[in-house]
Amino acid sequence: PVRNPWNTGHSAGGSSGGSAALVAAGAVPIAHANDGGGSIRIPAACCGLVGLKPTRGRLVPNEQSRRLPLDLVVDGVVSRSVRDTAAFVAGAEAHWRNPKLPPVGLVEGPSGRRLRVGFLLDSPNGVASDAVTREAVTATATTLERLGHAVEPVEMAIDPRFTEDFLTYWGMLSFLLGTTGRSLGPDFDRHRMDGLSRGLRTTYLENWHRTPGVLRRLKRTKEAYAAAFRGFDLLLTPVLAHPAPELGQLAPTVPYATLIERILAYVAFTPVDNVVGTPSISLPGPLATDGGLPVGVMFSGRPGSERTLLDVAFTLEAERPFRRIQDA
């Protein structure tokens, strides 16, 4: 298990938890992460870091994932400061830029632009966030209002089958990996896949005939997302429904039915941006739990709006410098 540097009895989040733990602990200043359902933003939230999930196609695409019917995965980094994440984005763009997206350039601080921000406290699929998470998001909204930004509650009316459809698609990926994994290297053994991967694979085999409808509905999620953004520049939400769980809660040894129930009650906000392909950023919130664990907040934007996300991130960091372990 990867232990959370803030409280080693708790998870560092996943799946880029190793990167997040090393960055949060101060071992390295920045580290690679990738995000197919929240795996940049989740460990960033758990470990008190900045985690930007770029727009689909913003960085050099992953050759494997771009061949899939719905490409969920983007690469990025986790860092301790907005400056370092912004520098990474600028450096990546200097290496390769997608001409279909507006350039980001090097963002070096808040622009002073007044934004309209919609916020929601519970996930679009009905999962309620816990008290400390709600308080962190509400406090962030209050800070933005005090700084002159307009903040209003918003709803996102996604298809009620979104969670089931996402799991079916996730299961399809697990099935494909188990079937074609040896192409990744001769040492691959699908019998060593963990309980979550095997459970997802089994679930998909029971529901494979639903694949066309699943893909159709997931692709239509962008319509509900666009509707929620009418009149807003960004959306403010929790990253997770509750802070980092204790080690063992999401262990591979937990029976699949229990494990997937716990995951769905935890990872309730991040997958929408992966399905739609939009950018979002996890930032350390203004609060911590009684055990010292960070509580993340998340901003999401329209396709290509990384500059606006970095702008609001710089604004909040300047107003309330992020906690670091050496200051705890």
Protein backbone atom coordinates (compact mmCIF):
# COMPACT_ATOMS: atom_id res chain seq x y z
CA PRO A 1 0.00 0.00 0.00
CA VAL A 2 1.05 3.58 -0.71
CA ARG A 3 0.84 5.50 2.55
CA ASN A 4 -0.37 9.08 2.69
CA PRO A 5 2.46 11.30 3.97
CA TRP A 6 -0.02 13.44 5.92
CA ASN A 7 -1.32 10.44 7.86
CA THR A 8 0.33 7.12 7.10
CA GLY A 9 -2.69 5.11 8.20
CA HIS A 10 -4.56 6.40 5.14
CA SER A 11 -4.36 5.94 1.39
CA ALA A 12 -2.48 8.31 -0.91
CA GLY A 13 -5.23 7.84 -3.50
CA GLY A 14 -4.88 6.26 -6.89
CA SER A 15 -3.94 5.30 -9.31
CA SER A 16 -1.04 7.76 -9.40
CA GLY A 17 -0.63 7.46 -5.64
CA GLY A 18 3.09 6.74 -5.69
CA SER A 19 3.77 9.97 -7.56
CA ALA A 20 1.55 11.96 -5.20
CA ALA A 21 3.10 10.50 -2.04
CA LEU A 22 6.63 11.33 -3.19
CA VAL A 23 5.73 14.87 -4.22
CA ALA A 24 3.74 15.58 -1.05
CA ALA A 25 6.57 14.23 1.11
CA GLY A 26 9.08 16.50 -0.64
CA ALA A 27 11.14 13.69 -2.19
CA VAL A 28 10.63 15.14 -5.69
CA PRO A 29 9.10 18.47 -6.76
CA ILE A 30 6.88 17.13 -9.56
CA ALA A 31 5.93 13.70 -10.90
CA HIS A 32 4.08 12.09 -13.78
CA ALA A 33 0.47 11.03 -13.32
CA ASN A 34 -2.30 10.03 -15.69
CA ASP A 35 -6.05 10.22 -15.45
CA GLY A 36 -8.65 7.82 -16.87
CA GLY A 37 -11.30 8.37 -14.20
CA GLY A 38 -9.64 10.74 -11.77
CA SER A 39 -6.15 9.34 -11.25
CA ILE A 40 -4.38 12.72 -11.39
CA ARG A 41 -6.98 14.58 -9.36
CA ILE A 42 -7.77 11.89 -6.76
CA PRO A 43 -4.22 11.44 -5.38
CA ALA A 44 -3.69 15.21 -5.63
CA ALA A 45 -6.76 15.74 -3.42
CA CYS A 46 -5.68 13.02 -0.97
CA CYS A 47 -2.15 14.41 -0.65
CA GLY A 48 -2.78 18.17 -0.75
CA LEU A 49 -1.35 18.76 -4.23
CA VAL A 50 -2.17 20.51 -7.49
CA GLY A 51 -3.40 18.04 -10.09
CA LEU A 52 -4.46 19.27 -13.54
CA LYS A 53 -6.23 16.88 -15.90
CA PRO A 54 -5.75 18.47 -19.33
CA THR A 55 -8.27 18.56 -22.17
CA ARG A 56 -8.37 15.38 -24.25
CA GLY A 57 -5.76 15.90 -26.98
CA ARG A 58 -3.91 18.69 -25.17
CA LEU A 59 -0.73 16.61 -24.73
CA VAL A 60 0.89 14.03 -27.00
CA PRO A 61 -1.78 11.30 -27.18
CA ASN A 62 -1.31 7.80 -25.80
CA GLU A 63 -1.18 5.48 -28.81
CA GLN A 64 -3.04 2.66 -27.04
CA SER A 65 -5.91 4.74 -25.71
CA ARG A 66 -6.53 6.72 -28.90
CA ARG A 67 -7.52 3.47 -30.64
CA LEU A 68 -10.39 2.94 -28.18
CA PRO A 69 -13.98 3.96 -29.01
CA LEU A 70 -13.88 6.47 -26.14
CA ASP A 71 -10.47 7.75 -25.07
CA LEU A 72 -10.61 8.45 -21.33
CA VAL A 73 -6.92 8.75 -20.47
CA VAL A 74 -4.75 11.87 -20.45
CA ASP A 75 -1.27 12.39 -19.03
CA GLY A 76 -0.11 15.13 -16.71
CA VAL A 77 1.66 15.76 -13.41
CA VAL A 78 1.09 16.36 -9.73
CA SER A 79 2.97 19.20 -8.03
CA ARG A 80 3.06 21.22 -4.82
CA SER A 81 2.43 24.57 -6.51
CA VAL A 82 0.37 26.04 -9.32
CA ARG A 83 3.59 27.53 -10.70
CA ASP A 84 5.12 24.09 -11.29
CA THR A 85 2.02 22.68 -12.98
CA ALA A 86 1.76 25.79 -15.18
CA ALA A 87 5.44 25.44 -16.12
CA PHE A 88 4.87 21.81 -17.07
CA VAL A 89 1.92 22.70 -19.31
CA ALA A 90 3.95 25.42 -21.04
CA GLY A 91 6.90 23.07 -21.52
CA ALA A 92 4.71 20.31 -22.92
CA GLU A 93 3.08 22.78 -25.29
CA ALA A 94 6.49 23.97 -26.48
CA HIS A 95 7.30 20.35 -27.32
CA TRP A 96 4.02 19.66 -29.14
CA ARG A 97 0.83 21.66 -29.54
CA ASN A 98 -2.55 20.49 -30.76
CA PRO A 99 -3.62 23.08 -33.37
CA LYS A 100 -7.29 22.25 -32.68
CA LEU A 101 -7.05 23.70 -29.16
CA PRO A 102 -6.36 27.29 -28.07
CA PRO A 103 -2.79 27.75 -26.81
CA VAL A 104 -2.20 27.96 -23.07
CA GLY A 105 1.25 29.55 -22.94
CA LEU A 106 3.02 30.16 -19.65
CA VAL A 107 0.54 31.29 -17.00
CA GLU A 108 2.48 33.08 -14.26
CA GLY A 109 -0.21 34.41 -11.94
CA PRO A 110 -3.83 35.46 -11.58
CA SER A 111 -5.16 37.68 -14.34
CA GLY A 112 -7.69 39.56 -12.22
CA ARG A 113 -10.46 38.49 -14.59
CA ARG A 114 -13.86 38.17 -12.89
CA LEU A 115 -15.35 34.72 -13.41
CA ARG A 116 -18.82 33.21 -13.19
CA VAL A 117 -18.57 29.94 -11.28
CA GLY A 118 -21.28 27.35 -10.81
CA PHE A 119 -20.93 25.04 -7.83
CA LEU A 120 -22.47 21.81 -6.64
CA LEU A 121 -21.84 19.86 -3.45
CA ASP A 122 -23.27 16.44 -4.32
CA SER A 123 -22.35 14.46 -7.41
CA PRO A 124 -24.55 14.43 -10.52
CA ASN A 125 -25.22 10.71 -9.97
CA GLY A 126 -26.65 11.33 -6.50
CA VAL A 127 -23.72 10.59 -4.18
CA ALA A 128 -23.66 13.03 -1.26
CA SER A 129 -20.33 14.44 -0.08
CA ASP A 130 -19.46 14.33 3.61
CA ALA A 131 -19.53 17.29 5.99
CA VAL A 132 -15.85 18.32 5.83
CA THR A 133 -15.85 18.10 2.02
CA ARG A 134 -18.99 20.22 1.74
CA GLU A 135 -17.46 22.76 4.11
CA ALA A 136 -14.26 22.96 2.04
CA VAL A 137 -16.16 23.57 -1.22
CA THR A 138 -18.48 26.10 0.42
CA ALA A 139 -15.54 27.97 1.97
CA THR A 140 -13.83 28.10 -1.44
CA ALA A 141 -17.00 29.49 -3.01
CA THR A 142 -17.18 32.14 -0.27
CA THR A 143 -13.56 33.14 -0.93
CA LEU A 144 -14.24 33.53 -4.64
CA GLU A 145 -17.28 35.70 -3.95
CA ARG A 146 -15.27 37.88 -1.59
CA LEU A 147 -12.71 38.36 -4.37
CA GLY A 148 -15.38 39.61 -6.74
CA HIS A 149 -16.30 36.45 -8.66
CA ALA A 150 -19.94 35.46 -9.15
CA VAL A 151 -20.77 32.04 -7.66
CA GLU A 152 -24.13 30.31 -8.02
CA PRO A 153 -25.46 26.79 -7.42
CA VAL A 154 -25.82 24.67 -10.55
CA GLU A 155 -27.21 21.28 -11.51
CA MET A 156 -25.84 18.76 -13.99
CA ALA A 157 -28.55 16.48 -15.31
CA ILE A 158 -26.51 13.54 -16.57
CA ASP A 159 -28.15 10.27 -17.60
CA PRO A 160 -29.09 8.27 -14.47
CA ARG A 161 -27.36 5.27 -16.08
CA PHE A 162 -24.00 7.11 -16.23
CA THR A 163 -22.36 5.22 -13.35
CA GLU A 164 -23.48 1.81 -14.61
CA ASP A 165 -22.40 2.70 -18.13
CA PHE A 166 -19.00 3.94 -16.96
CA LEU A 167 -18.45 0.69 -15.05
CA THR A 168 -19.42 -1.33 -18.11
CA TYR A 169 -16.93 0.58 -20.24
CA TRP A 170 -14.28 0.27 -17.53
CA GLY A 171 -14.99 -3.46 -17.52
CA MET A 172 -14.52 -3.57 -21.29
CA LEU A 173 -11.06 -2.05 -20.86
CA SER A 174 -10.23 -4.67 -18.23
CA PHE A 175 -11.46 -7.40 -20.57
CA LEU A 176 -9.35 -6.06 -23.44
CA LEU A 177 -6.29 -5.83 -21.21
CA GLY A 178 -6.75 -9.41 -20.02
CA THR A 179 -7.18 -10.60 -23.61
CA THR A 180 -4.40 -8.64 -25.30
CA GLY A 181 -2.08 -7.97 -22.36
CA ARG A 182 0.72 -10.18 -23.63
CA SER A 183 1.24 -7.63 -26.39
CA LEU A 184 2.55 -5.34 -23.62
CA GLY A 185 5.31 -7.83 -22.77
CA PRO A 186 5.99 -11.54 -22.37
CA ASP A 187 5.73 -11.36 -18.56
CA PHE A 188 2.07 -10.35 -18.58
CA ASP A 189 -0.16 -12.94 -16.85
CA ARG A 190 -3.88 -12.15 -16.75
CA HIS A 191 -4.30 -14.60 -13.88
CA ARG A 192 -2.36 -12.16 -11.70
CA MET A 193 -4.80 -9.30 -12.34
CA ASP A 194 -6.23 -8.07 -9.03
CA GLY A 195 -9.75 -8.61 -7.75
CA LEU A 196 -11.07 -5.28 -9.03
CA SER A 197 -9.82 -5.96 -12.58
CA ARG A 198 -11.19 -9.49 -12.56
CA GLY A 199 -14.51 -8.33 -11.17
CA LEU A 200 -14.86 -5.63 -13.80
CA ARG A 201 -13.97 -8.15 -16.50
CA THR A 202 -16.62 -10.60 -15.28
CA THR A 203 -19.23 -7.85 -15.08
CA TYR A 204 -18.47 -6.83 -18.65
CA LEU A 205 -18.76 -10.39 -19.94
CA GLU A 206 -22.23 -10.52 -18.40
CA ASN A 207 -23.23 -7.26 -20.07
CA TRP A 208 -21.18 -7.12 -23.27
CA HIS A 209 -24.34 -6.94 -25.41
CA ARG A 210 -25.03 -3.49 -23.90
CA THR A 211 -21.82 -2.01 -25.33
CA PRO A 212 -23.36 -0.03 -28.25
CA GLY A 213 -25.93 1.64 -25.97
CA VAL A 214 -23.30 2.30 -23.29
CA LEU A 215 -21.02 4.06 -25.78
CA ARG A 216 -23.90 6.05 -27.25
CA ARG A 217 -25.07 7.30 -23.84
CA LEU A 218 -21.56 8.08 -22.58
CA LYS A 219 -20.82 10.16 -25.67
CA ARG A 220 -24.06 12.08 -25.11
CA THR A 221 -22.83 13.15 -21.64
CA LYS A 222 -21.21 16.16 -23.30
CA GLU A 223 -24.71 17.58 -23.91
CA ALA A 224 -25.59 17.63 -20.19
CA TYR A 225 -22.14 19.00 -19.41
CA ALA A 226 -22.52 21.83 -21.92
CA ALA A 227 -25.98 22.65 -20.54
CA ALA A 228 -24.60 22.96 -17.00
CA PHE A 229 -22.00 25.45 -18.27
CA ARG A 230 -24.44 27.90 -19.80
CA GLY A 231 -23.64 31.26 -18.26
CA PHE A 232 -20.58 29.95 -16.36
CA ASP A 233 -16.84 29.94 -16.94
CA LEU A 234 -16.04 27.14 -14.48
CA LEU A 235 -17.72 24.59 -12.22
CA LEU A 236 -16.60 24.12 -8.60
CA THR A 237 -17.20 20.72 -6.97
CA PRO A 238 -15.58 18.31 -4.55
CA VAL A 239 -12.92 16.02 -5.99
CA LEU A 240 -14.08 13.08 -3.87
CA ALA A 241 -17.12 12.43 -1.73
CA HIS A 242 -14.89 12.06 1.35
CA PRO A 243 -11.18 12.43 2.25
CA ALA A 244 -8.61 9.66 1.82
CA PRO A 245 -9.86 6.37 3.30
CA GLU A 246 -7.97 4.28 5.79
CA LEU A 247 -5.59 1.71 4.33
CA GLY A 248 -7.44 -1.52 3.65
CA GLN A 249 -10.79 0.05 2.76
CA LEU A 250 -10.02 -0.26 -0.96
CA ALA A 251 -7.50 -3.09 -0.80
CA PRO A 252 -7.37 -5.68 -3.64
CA THR A 253 -8.34 -8.33 -1.09
CA VAL A 254 -11.76 -6.75 -0.43
CA PRO A 255 -14.50 -8.78 -2.21
CA TYR A 256 -15.44 -7.20 -5.52
CA ALA A 257 -19.07 -6.39 -4.65
CA THR A 258 -18.01 -4.56 -1.48
CA LEU A 259 -15.05 -2.89 -3.15
CA ILE A 260 -17.01 -1.47 -6.07
CA GLU A 261 -19.69 -0.17 -3.69
CA ARG A 262 -17.01 1.65 -1.68
CA ILE A 263 -15.37 3.05 -4.82
CA LEU A 264 -18.67 4.42 -6.14
CA ALA A 265 -19.36 6.13 -2.81
CA TYR A 266 -15.89 7.74 -2.99
CA VAL A 267 -15.05 8.47 -6.65
CA ALA A 268 -18.28 10.25 -7.53
CA PHE A 269 -17.20 13.48 -9.25
CA THR A 270 -14.13 12.97 -11.44
CA PRO A 271 -15.20 10.52 -14.22
CA VAL A 272 -17.51 12.96 -16.03
CA ASP A 273 -14.56 15.05 -17.26
CA ASN A 274 -12.85 11.92 -18.59
CA VAL A 275 -15.93 10.92 -20.58
CA VAL A 276 -16.51 14.43 -21.96
CA GLY A 277 -12.78 15.11 -22.45
CA THR A 278 -12.81 18.41 -20.57
CA PRO A 279 -10.05 19.80 -18.33
CA SER A 280 -10.28 20.00 -14.56
CA ILE A 281 -7.94 20.73 -11.69
CA SER A 282 -7.74 19.50 -8.10
CA LEU A 283 -6.51 22.05 -5.56
CA PRO A 284 -5.88 21.78 -1.83
CA GLY A 285 -8.97 23.08 -0.04
CA PRO A 286 -8.95 25.48 2.90
CA LEU A 287 -9.62 22.75 5.47
CA ALA A 288 -8.13 19.52 6.79
CA THR A 289 -9.70 16.65 8.66
CA ASP A 290 -9.16 16.12 12.40
CA GLY A 291 -6.49 13.60 11.39
CA GLY A 292 -4.63 16.21 9.32
CA LEU A 293 -5.70 14.86 5.92
CA PRO A 294 -6.09 17.37 3.07
CA VAL A 295 -9.50 17.95 1.50
CA GLY A 296 -9.42 18.76 -2.20
CA VAL A 297 -11.68 20.98 -4.28
CA MET A 298 -12.08 20.73 -8.05
CA PHE A 299 -12.66 23.21 -10.85
CA SER A 300 -13.76 22.00 -14.28
CA GLY A 301 -13.90 23.94 -17.52
CA ARG A 302 -14.88 23.84 -21.16
CA PRO A 303 -12.57 22.11 -23.66
CA GLY A 304 -9.34 24.06 -23.99
CA SER A 305 -9.84 26.19 -20.87
CA GLU A 306 -6.64 25.24 -19.02
CA ARG A 307 -5.58 28.88 -18.87
CA THR A 308 -8.76 29.79 -16.95
CA LEU A 309 -8.24 26.85 -14.58
CA LEU A 310 -4.67 27.92 -13.85
CA ASP A 311 -5.86 31.50 -13.41
CA VAL A 312 -8.33 30.57 -10.64
CA ALA A 313 -5.77 28.21 -9.10
CA PHE A 314 -3.19 31.02 -8.87
CA THR A 315 -5.88 33.27 -7.37
CA LEU A 316 -6.70 30.83 -4.57
CA GLU A 317 -3.05 29.95 -3.92
CA ALA A 318 -2.18 33.64 -3.56
CA GLU A 319 -5.14 34.25 -1.25
CA ARG A 320 -4.54 31.15 0.86
CA PRO A 321 -1.10 29.53 0.37
CA PHE A 322 -1.41 25.75 0.26
CA ARG A 323 -0.34 23.77 3.32
CA ARG A 324 2.83 21.71 3.06
CA ILE A 325 3.97 18.93 5.31
CA GLN A 326 6.96 20.88 6.63
CA ASP A 327 4.52 23.56 7.86
CA ALA A 328 2.14 21.12 9.57
